[in-house]
N, C-alpha and C. Protein backbone atom coordinates (compact mmCIF):
# COMPACT_ATOMS: atom_id res chain seq x y z
N MET A 1 1.01 -3.69 -3.62
CA MET A 1 -0.10 -4.13 -2.80
C MET A 1 0.35 -4.17 -1.33
N ILE A 2 -0.59 -3.90 -0.44
CA ILE A 2 -0.32 -4.06 0.98
C ILE A 2 -1.27 -5.13 1.52
N VAL A 3 -0.80 -5.87 2.51
CA VAL A 3 -1.61 -6.94 3.10
C VAL A 3 -2.20 -6.42 4.41
N VAL A 4 -3.51 -6.61 4.54
CA VAL A 4 -4.23 -6.22 5.75
C VAL A 4 -5.10 -7.40 6.19
N THR A 5 -5.67 -7.29 7.38
CA THR A 5 -6.42 -8.40 7.97
C THR A 5 -7.85 -7.97 8.30
N ARG A 6 -8.80 -8.75 7.79
CA ARG A 6 -10.21 -8.50 8.14
C ARG A 6 -10.45 -8.86 9.61
N LEU A 7 -11.59 -8.47 10.14
CA LEU A 7 -11.91 -8.77 11.53
C LEU A 7 -12.01 -10.27 11.79
N ASN A 8 -12.32 -11.06 10.75
CA ASN A 8 -12.41 -12.52 10.92
C ASN A 8 -11.04 -13.19 10.76
N ARG A 9 -9.99 -12.37 10.75
CA ARG A 9 -8.59 -12.81 10.68
C ARG A 9 -8.13 -13.31 9.31
N THR A 10 -8.94 -13.16 8.28
CA THR A 10 -8.48 -13.50 6.93
C THR A 10 -7.68 -12.32 6.40
N ARG A 11 -6.60 -12.65 5.72
CA ARG A 11 -5.73 -11.60 5.17
C ARG A 11 -6.04 -11.40 3.69
N PHE A 12 -5.88 -10.17 3.23
CA PHE A 12 -6.03 -9.89 1.80
C PHE A 12 -5.13 -8.72 1.43
N ALA A 13 -4.86 -8.63 0.15
CA ALA A 13 -4.01 -7.55 -0.35
C ALA A 13 -4.89 -6.50 -1.03
N VAL A 14 -4.52 -5.27 -0.83
CA VAL A 14 -5.27 -4.16 -1.43
C VAL A 14 -4.27 -3.21 -2.08
N ASN A 15 -4.70 -2.65 -3.20
CA ASN A 15 -3.88 -1.67 -3.91
C ASN A 15 -3.99 -0.34 -3.16
N PRO A 16 -2.92 0.15 -2.54
CA PRO A 16 -3.03 1.38 -1.75
C PRO A 16 -3.35 2.61 -2.58
N ASP A 17 -3.11 2.55 -3.88
CA ASP A 17 -3.44 3.69 -4.73
C ASP A 17 -4.95 3.85 -4.90
N LEU A 18 -5.71 2.81 -4.54
CA LEU A 18 -7.17 2.87 -4.67
C LEU A 18 -7.88 3.19 -3.36
N ILE A 19 -7.10 3.44 -2.30
CA ILE A 19 -7.70 3.84 -1.02
C ILE A 19 -7.96 5.34 -1.07
N GLU A 20 -9.22 5.71 -0.87
CA GLU A 20 -9.58 7.12 -0.86
C GLU A 20 -9.44 7.73 0.53
N ARG A 21 -9.94 6.99 1.55
CA ARG A 21 -9.89 7.48 2.92
C ARG A 21 -9.68 6.31 3.87
N ILE A 22 -9.17 6.64 5.06
CA ILE A 22 -9.05 5.67 6.14
C ILE A 22 -9.69 6.31 7.38
N HIS A 23 -10.63 5.58 7.98
CA HIS A 23 -11.27 6.05 9.21
C HIS A 23 -10.88 5.12 10.35
N ALA A 24 -10.77 5.68 11.54
CA ALA A 24 -10.52 4.88 12.74
C ALA A 24 -11.50 5.32 13.82
N SER A 25 -12.66 4.64 13.87
CA SER A 25 -13.66 5.08 14.84
C SER A 25 -14.59 3.95 15.26
N PRO A 26 -14.30 3.05 16.12
CA PRO A 26 -12.98 2.70 16.62
C PRO A 26 -12.23 1.75 15.69
N ASP A 27 -12.99 0.96 14.88
CA ASP A 27 -12.31 0.05 13.94
C ASP A 27 -11.75 0.83 12.77
N THR A 28 -10.67 0.31 12.21
CA THR A 28 -10.07 0.96 11.05
C THR A 28 -10.83 0.53 9.81
N THR A 29 -11.32 1.51 9.06
CA THR A 29 -12.09 1.25 7.86
C THR A 29 -11.40 1.89 6.66
N LEU A 30 -11.16 1.07 5.63
CA LEU A 30 -10.60 1.57 4.39
C LEU A 30 -11.76 1.85 3.44
N ILE A 31 -11.84 3.05 2.91
CA ILE A 31 -12.86 3.40 1.93
C ILE A 31 -12.14 3.55 0.60
N MET A 32 -12.54 2.72 -0.35
CA MET A 32 -11.88 2.69 -1.65
C MET A 32 -12.51 3.71 -2.59
N VAL A 33 -11.83 4.02 -3.69
CA VAL A 33 -12.34 5.01 -4.63
C VAL A 33 -13.65 4.58 -5.28
N ASP A 34 -13.89 3.26 -5.35
CA ASP A 34 -15.15 2.78 -5.94
C ASP A 34 -16.27 2.67 -4.91
N GLY A 35 -16.01 3.10 -3.67
CA GLY A 35 -17.03 3.08 -2.63
C GLY A 35 -17.00 1.84 -1.76
N ALA A 36 -16.24 0.81 -2.13
CA ALA A 36 -16.13 -0.39 -1.31
C ALA A 36 -15.49 -0.02 0.02
N THR A 37 -15.89 -0.72 1.08
CA THR A 37 -15.30 -0.48 2.40
C THR A 37 -14.79 -1.79 2.96
N PHE A 38 -13.69 -1.71 3.68
CA PHE A 38 -13.09 -2.87 4.33
C PHE A 38 -12.74 -2.47 5.76
N VAL A 39 -13.23 -3.25 6.72
CA VAL A 39 -12.89 -3.03 8.11
C VAL A 39 -11.74 -3.99 8.43
N VAL A 40 -10.64 -3.44 8.96
CA VAL A 40 -9.44 -4.23 9.18
C VAL A 40 -8.97 -4.13 10.63
N LEU A 41 -8.16 -5.12 11.03
CA LEU A 41 -7.63 -5.15 12.39
C LEU A 41 -6.51 -4.13 12.62
N GLU A 42 -5.76 -3.84 11.59
CA GLU A 42 -4.62 -2.93 11.73
C GLU A 42 -5.09 -1.52 12.13
N THR A 43 -4.24 -0.83 12.84
CA THR A 43 -4.56 0.57 13.18
C THR A 43 -4.38 1.45 11.96
N MET A 44 -4.95 2.63 12.02
CA MET A 44 -4.78 3.57 10.91
C MET A 44 -3.30 3.88 10.70
N ASP A 45 -2.56 4.08 11.79
CA ASP A 45 -1.13 4.37 11.67
C ASP A 45 -0.38 3.22 11.01
N ASP A 46 -0.75 1.98 11.35
CA ASP A 46 -0.10 0.82 10.74
C ASP A 46 -0.39 0.74 9.24
N VAL A 47 -1.64 1.01 8.85
CA VAL A 47 -1.97 1.00 7.42
C VAL A 47 -1.18 2.08 6.69
N ILE A 48 -1.09 3.26 7.28
CA ILE A 48 -0.33 4.35 6.67
C ILE A 48 1.14 3.97 6.55
N ASP A 49 1.69 3.33 7.59
CA ASP A 49 3.09 2.87 7.52
C ASP A 49 3.28 1.85 6.40
N ARG A 50 2.33 0.95 6.23
CA ARG A 50 2.42 -0.05 5.16
C ARG A 50 2.37 0.61 3.78
N ILE A 51 1.53 1.63 3.65
CA ILE A 51 1.45 2.36 2.38
C ILE A 51 2.78 3.07 2.11
N THR A 52 3.33 3.71 3.14
CA THR A 52 4.61 4.40 2.99
C THR A 52 5.71 3.42 2.61
N ASP A 53 5.77 2.27 3.27
CA ASP A 53 6.77 1.25 2.95
C ASP A 53 6.60 0.74 1.51
N PHE A 54 5.35 0.52 1.10
CA PHE A 54 5.07 0.06 -0.26
C PHE A 54 5.59 1.07 -1.28
N ARG A 55 5.28 2.33 -1.07
CA ARG A 55 5.71 3.37 -2.02
C ARG A 55 7.23 3.51 -2.03
N ALA A 56 7.87 3.37 -0.88
CA ALA A 56 9.34 3.42 -0.81
C ALA A 56 9.94 2.27 -1.61
N ARG A 57 9.33 1.07 -1.51
CA ARG A 57 9.83 -0.09 -2.27
C ARG A 57 9.67 0.15 -3.77
N VAL A 58 8.56 0.74 -4.18
CA VAL A 58 8.34 1.05 -5.60
C VAL A 58 9.41 2.01 -6.10
N LEU A 59 9.67 3.07 -5.34
CA LEU A 59 10.68 4.05 -5.75
C LEU A 59 12.08 3.44 -5.77
N ALA A 60 12.40 2.61 -4.78
CA ALA A 60 13.71 1.96 -4.75
C ALA A 60 13.87 1.02 -5.93
N SER A 61 12.82 0.30 -6.27
CA SER A 61 12.86 -0.61 -7.41
C SER A 61 13.06 0.16 -8.72
N ALA A 62 12.40 1.28 -8.85
CA ALA A 62 12.56 2.11 -10.05
C ALA A 62 13.99 2.66 -10.13
N ALA A 63 14.55 3.07 -9.00
CA ALA A 63 15.93 3.58 -8.98
C ALA A 63 16.91 2.47 -9.35
N ASP A 64 16.67 1.26 -8.84
CA ASP A 64 17.53 0.12 -9.18
C ASP A 64 17.46 -0.19 -10.67
N ALA A 65 16.25 -0.15 -11.22
CA ALA A 65 16.09 -0.42 -12.65
C ALA A 65 16.81 0.63 -13.48
N ARG A 66 16.74 1.88 -13.06
CA ARG A 66 17.42 2.94 -13.80
C ARG A 66 18.93 2.76 -13.73
N ARG A 67 19.45 2.42 -12.54
CA ARG A 67 20.89 2.20 -12.41
C ARG A 67 21.35 1.03 -13.29
N SER A 68 20.56 -0.03 -13.33
CA SER A 68 20.89 -1.19 -14.16
C SER A 68 20.91 -0.79 -15.63
N ALA A 69 19.93 0.02 -16.02
CA ALA A 69 19.88 0.47 -17.42
C ALA A 69 21.05 1.39 -17.73
N ASP A 70 21.43 2.25 -16.79
CA ASP A 70 22.58 3.15 -16.99
C ASP A 70 23.85 2.34 -17.17
N VAL A 71 24.04 1.32 -16.37
CA VAL A 71 25.23 0.47 -16.45
C VAL A 71 25.26 -0.24 -17.79
N ALA A 72 24.09 -0.66 -18.26
CA ALA A 72 24.01 -1.37 -19.53
C ALA A 72 24.11 -0.42 -20.72
N GLY A 73 24.11 0.89 -20.47
CA GLY A 73 24.22 1.86 -21.54
C GLY A 73 22.92 2.14 -22.25
N VAL A 74 21.81 1.77 -21.64
CA VAL A 74 20.51 1.96 -22.27
C VAL A 74 20.07 3.41 -22.15
N ILE A 75 20.32 4.02 -20.98
CA ILE A 75 19.91 5.40 -20.75
C ILE A 75 21.16 6.28 -20.76
N ALA A 76 21.09 7.34 -21.51
CA ALA A 76 22.25 8.23 -21.61
C ALA A 76 22.25 9.26 -20.53
């Protein structure tokens, strides 16, 4: 999940895998796969950076889990 901020300054988390499009004209709008839209304070570039960071953390966590399993002899 990534945390973003609505225009009223409330923060919420959104699953980045469910974001279909991001528009910046002028406010940043997240359009979800179900058609829901969220207008956020963050710039489009900032949202994209948060998505990239989130995915990097997921991949690093998976690599750590695999290394732990290899050490434990679970994966050959």
